[in-house]
């Protein structure tokens, strides 16, 4: 006895239905574009690097509870630093307006993990968290507006077309 479901019946295509048009994008492309728009409204890559650094710092000293208690404060401090970094990554992602505070705290926690947690997660976690925190601090929510072709500065007049002198109350300078 088999547990496989019966095969699906293939029906012939309806000649009246033209099917999907080549110009209509698939549903996956629409979801990808929506994710791209959402991602660009927050420091996404800063969040990824900070969370990855916190993950490395948190799980590198992970051991059974008996071993952590033997290690002492170093193991617990390393785990706390990793939790703080992952919380800052979540804060950057959910509240992009607080990216400066979260970025500074992530850099401080990443540098503090060097003496507290196995050389900052063997330098990998520390480097990733400092990179992510500095990226979050530097991230701007939107691109500056494009300037038109005209310059904002006044251009100098041509030699044959002098500018009239400025006047103060009718008197020329």
Protein backbone atom coordinates (compact mmCIF):
# COMPACT_ATOMS: atom_id res chain seq x y z
CA UNK A 1 0.00 0.00 0.00
CA UNK A 2 1.39 3.36 -0.96
CA UNK A 3 0.80 6.68 0.73
CA UNK A 4 1.54 8.76 -2.33
CA UNK A 5 -1.29 11.02 -3.44
CA UNK A 6 -2.85 10.23 -6.78
CA UNK A 7 -1.29 12.08 -9.71
CA UNK A 8 -2.95 15.29 -10.77
CA UNK A 9 -4.88 15.28 -14.00
CA UNK A 10 -3.52 17.54 -16.64
CA UNK A 11 -6.24 19.31 -18.54
CA UNK A 12 -5.67 20.60 -22.04
CA UNK A 13 -5.17 24.38 -22.24
CA UNK A 14 -8.21 26.49 -23.03
CA UNK A 15 -7.75 28.08 -26.46
CA UNK A 16 -9.73 31.17 -25.35
CA UNK A 17 -7.35 31.84 -22.43
CA UNK A 18 -4.15 33.46 -23.69
CA UNK A 19 -2.34 32.72 -20.40
CA UNK A 20 0.02 35.11 -18.68
CA UNK A 21 1.15 37.93 -20.87
CA UNK A 22 4.89 38.43 -21.32
CA UNK A 23 4.63 42.00 -20.01
CA UNK A 24 3.03 41.09 -16.65
CA UNK A 25 5.66 40.39 -13.97
CA UNK A 26 5.35 37.25 -11.90
CA UNK A 27 4.15 37.50 -8.30
CA UNK A 28 7.64 36.81 -7.02
CA UNK A 29 9.00 39.92 -8.72
CA UNK A 30 6.31 42.03 -7.03
CA UNK A 31 7.19 40.65 -3.61
CA UNK A 32 10.86 41.21 -4.29
CA UNK A 33 10.23 44.83 -5.30
CA UNK A 34 8.13 45.40 -2.17
CA UNK A 35 10.91 43.96 0.00
CA UNK A 36 13.45 46.17 -1.78
CA UNK A 37 11.35 49.28 -1.11
CA UNK A 38 10.96 48.31 2.56
CA UNK A 39 14.67 47.50 2.91
CA UNK A 40 15.70 50.89 1.54
CA UNK A 41 13.76 52.70 4.27
CA UNK A 42 15.98 51.37 7.05
CA UNK A 43 19.65 50.48 7.71
CA UNK A 44 19.19 46.88 6.59
CA UNK A 45 22.81 45.87 5.98
CA UNK A 46 23.95 47.55 9.19
CA UNK A 47 21.37 45.42 10.98
CA UNK A 48 22.60 42.25 9.30
CA UNK A 49 26.26 42.85 10.22
CA UNK A 50 25.45 43.89 13.80
CA UNK A 51 23.18 40.89 14.38
CA UNK A 52 25.76 38.53 12.89
CA UNK A 53 28.48 39.98 15.12
CA UNK A 54 26.22 39.66 18.18
CA UNK A 55 25.41 36.08 17.20
CA UNK A 56 29.10 35.18 17.00
CA UNK A 57 29.89 36.90 20.30
CA UNK A 58 26.90 35.29 22.02
CA UNK A 59 27.37 31.72 20.84
CA UNK A 60 31.14 31.47 20.90
CA UNK A 61 31.36 31.22 24.71
CA UNK A 62 28.22 29.04 24.87
CA UNK A 63 28.84 25.95 26.88
CA UNK A 64 26.90 23.93 29.42
CA UNK A 65 25.89 25.95 32.47
CA UNK A 66 28.47 24.20 34.66
CA UNK A 67 31.28 25.29 32.37
CA UNK A 68 29.99 28.89 32.21
CA UNK A 69 29.87 29.07 36.00
CA UNK A 70 33.44 27.79 36.14
CA UNK A 71 34.52 30.41 33.60
CA UNK A 72 32.78 33.05 35.70
CA UNK A 73 31.90 36.58 34.73
CA UNK A 74 33.75 36.37 31.42
CA UNK A 75 31.33 33.85 29.95
CA UNK A 76 28.27 35.67 31.22
CA UNK A 77 29.58 39.06 30.12
CA UNK A 78 30.24 37.70 26.64
CA UNK A 79 26.72 36.35 26.41
CA UNK A 80 25.29 39.66 27.66
CA UNK A 81 27.30 41.57 25.07
CA UNK A 82 25.94 39.35 22.32
CA UNK A 83 22.38 39.88 23.55
CA UNK A 84 22.90 43.65 23.62
CA UNK A 85 24.24 43.60 20.06
CA UNK A 86 21.33 41.53 18.76
CA UNK A 87 18.90 43.86 20.54
CA UNK A 88 20.57 46.89 18.93
CA UNK A 89 20.28 45.21 15.53
CA UNK A 90 16.56 44.70 16.13
CA UNK A 91 16.22 48.31 17.25
CA UNK A 92 17.95 49.53 14.07
CA UNK A 93 15.60 47.47 11.94
CA UNK A 94 12.34 48.35 13.67
CA UNK A 95 13.07 51.98 14.62
CA UNK A 96 15.36 53.47 11.97
CA UNK A 97 15.02 56.89 13.60
CA UNK A 98 17.03 55.58 16.56
CA UNK A 99 19.87 54.34 14.38
CA UNK A 100 22.41 56.80 15.80
CA UNK A 101 21.92 55.64 19.38
CA UNK A 102 21.79 51.98 18.43
CA UNK A 103 24.87 52.35 16.22
CA UNK A 104 26.93 53.97 18.97
CA UNK A 105 25.86 51.35 21.51
CA UNK A 106 26.67 48.58 19.01
CA UNK A 107 30.17 49.96 18.43
CA UNK A 108 30.77 50.30 22.19
CA UNK A 109 29.46 46.78 22.89
CA UNK A 110 31.53 45.38 20.02
CA UNK A 111 34.74 46.98 21.28
CA UNK A 112 33.91 45.99 24.86
CA UNK A 113 33.55 42.38 23.74
CA UNK A 114 37.30 42.25 23.05
CA UNK A 115 38.32 41.93 26.71
CA UNK A 116 35.02 40.42 27.86
CA UNK A 117 34.39 37.61 25.40
CA UNK A 118 37.17 35.54 23.88
CA UNK A 119 38.87 38.42 22.10
CA UNK A 120 35.60 39.77 20.76
CA UNK A 121 34.42 36.49 19.31
CA UNK A 122 37.90 35.80 17.95
CA UNK A 123 37.91 39.25 16.33
CA UNK A 124 35.12 38.20 13.94
CA UNK A 125 32.19 39.25 16.12
CA UNK A 126 33.90 42.44 17.19
CA UNK A 127 34.71 43.43 13.61
CA UNK A 128 31.20 42.68 12.36
CA UNK A 129 29.50 44.57 15.18
CA UNK A 130 31.76 47.62 14.80
CA UNK A 131 31.17 47.57 11.04
CA UNK A 132 27.39 47.30 11.52
CA UNK A 133 27.24 49.98 14.19
CA UNK A 134 29.25 52.45 12.13
CA UNK A 135 27.12 51.71 9.05
CA UNK A 136 23.97 52.38 11.08
CA UNK A 137 25.34 55.68 12.33
CA UNK A 138 26.25 56.77 8.80
CA UNK A 139 23.05 55.58 7.07
CA UNK A 140 20.79 58.23 5.54
CA UNK A 141 17.10 57.52 5.02
CA UNK A 142 16.87 58.92 1.51
CA UNK A 143 19.08 60.12 -1.25
CA UNK A 144 19.56 63.87 -1.59
CA UNK A 145 17.33 65.51 -4.14
CA UNK A 146 18.83 65.69 -7.59
CA UNK A 147 19.94 69.14 -8.62
CA UNK A 148 18.72 70.58 -11.84
CA UNK A 149 21.13 71.56 -14.58
CA UNK A 150 21.29 75.15 -13.32
CA UNK A 151 23.91 76.03 -10.77
CA UNK A 152 22.87 77.67 -7.52
CA UNK A 153 25.81 80.09 -7.70
CA UNK A 154 25.58 83.18 -9.81
CA UNK A 155 27.76 82.96 -12.84
CA UNK A 156 30.10 85.79 -13.74
CA UNK A 157 28.91 88.01 -16.55
CA UNK A 158 30.61 87.98 -19.89
CA UNK A 159 33.29 90.61 -20.47
CA UNK A 160 31.14 92.51 -22.95
CA UNK A 161 28.06 92.58 -20.67
CA UNK A 162 29.00 94.32 -17.39
CA UNK A 163 26.72 94.16 -14.35
CA UNK A 164 25.35 97.53 -13.25
CA UNK A 165 26.75 98.68 -9.90
CA UNK A 166 24.70 98.02 -6.79
CA UNK A 167 22.78 100.99 -5.52
CA UNK A 168 21.99 102.13 -2.02
CA UNK A 169 19.12 104.53 -1.90
CA UNK A 170 19.69 105.81 -5.39
CA UNK A 171 23.43 106.41 -4.97
CA UNK A 172 25.73 104.16 -6.89
CA UNK A 173 28.89 102.79 -5.41
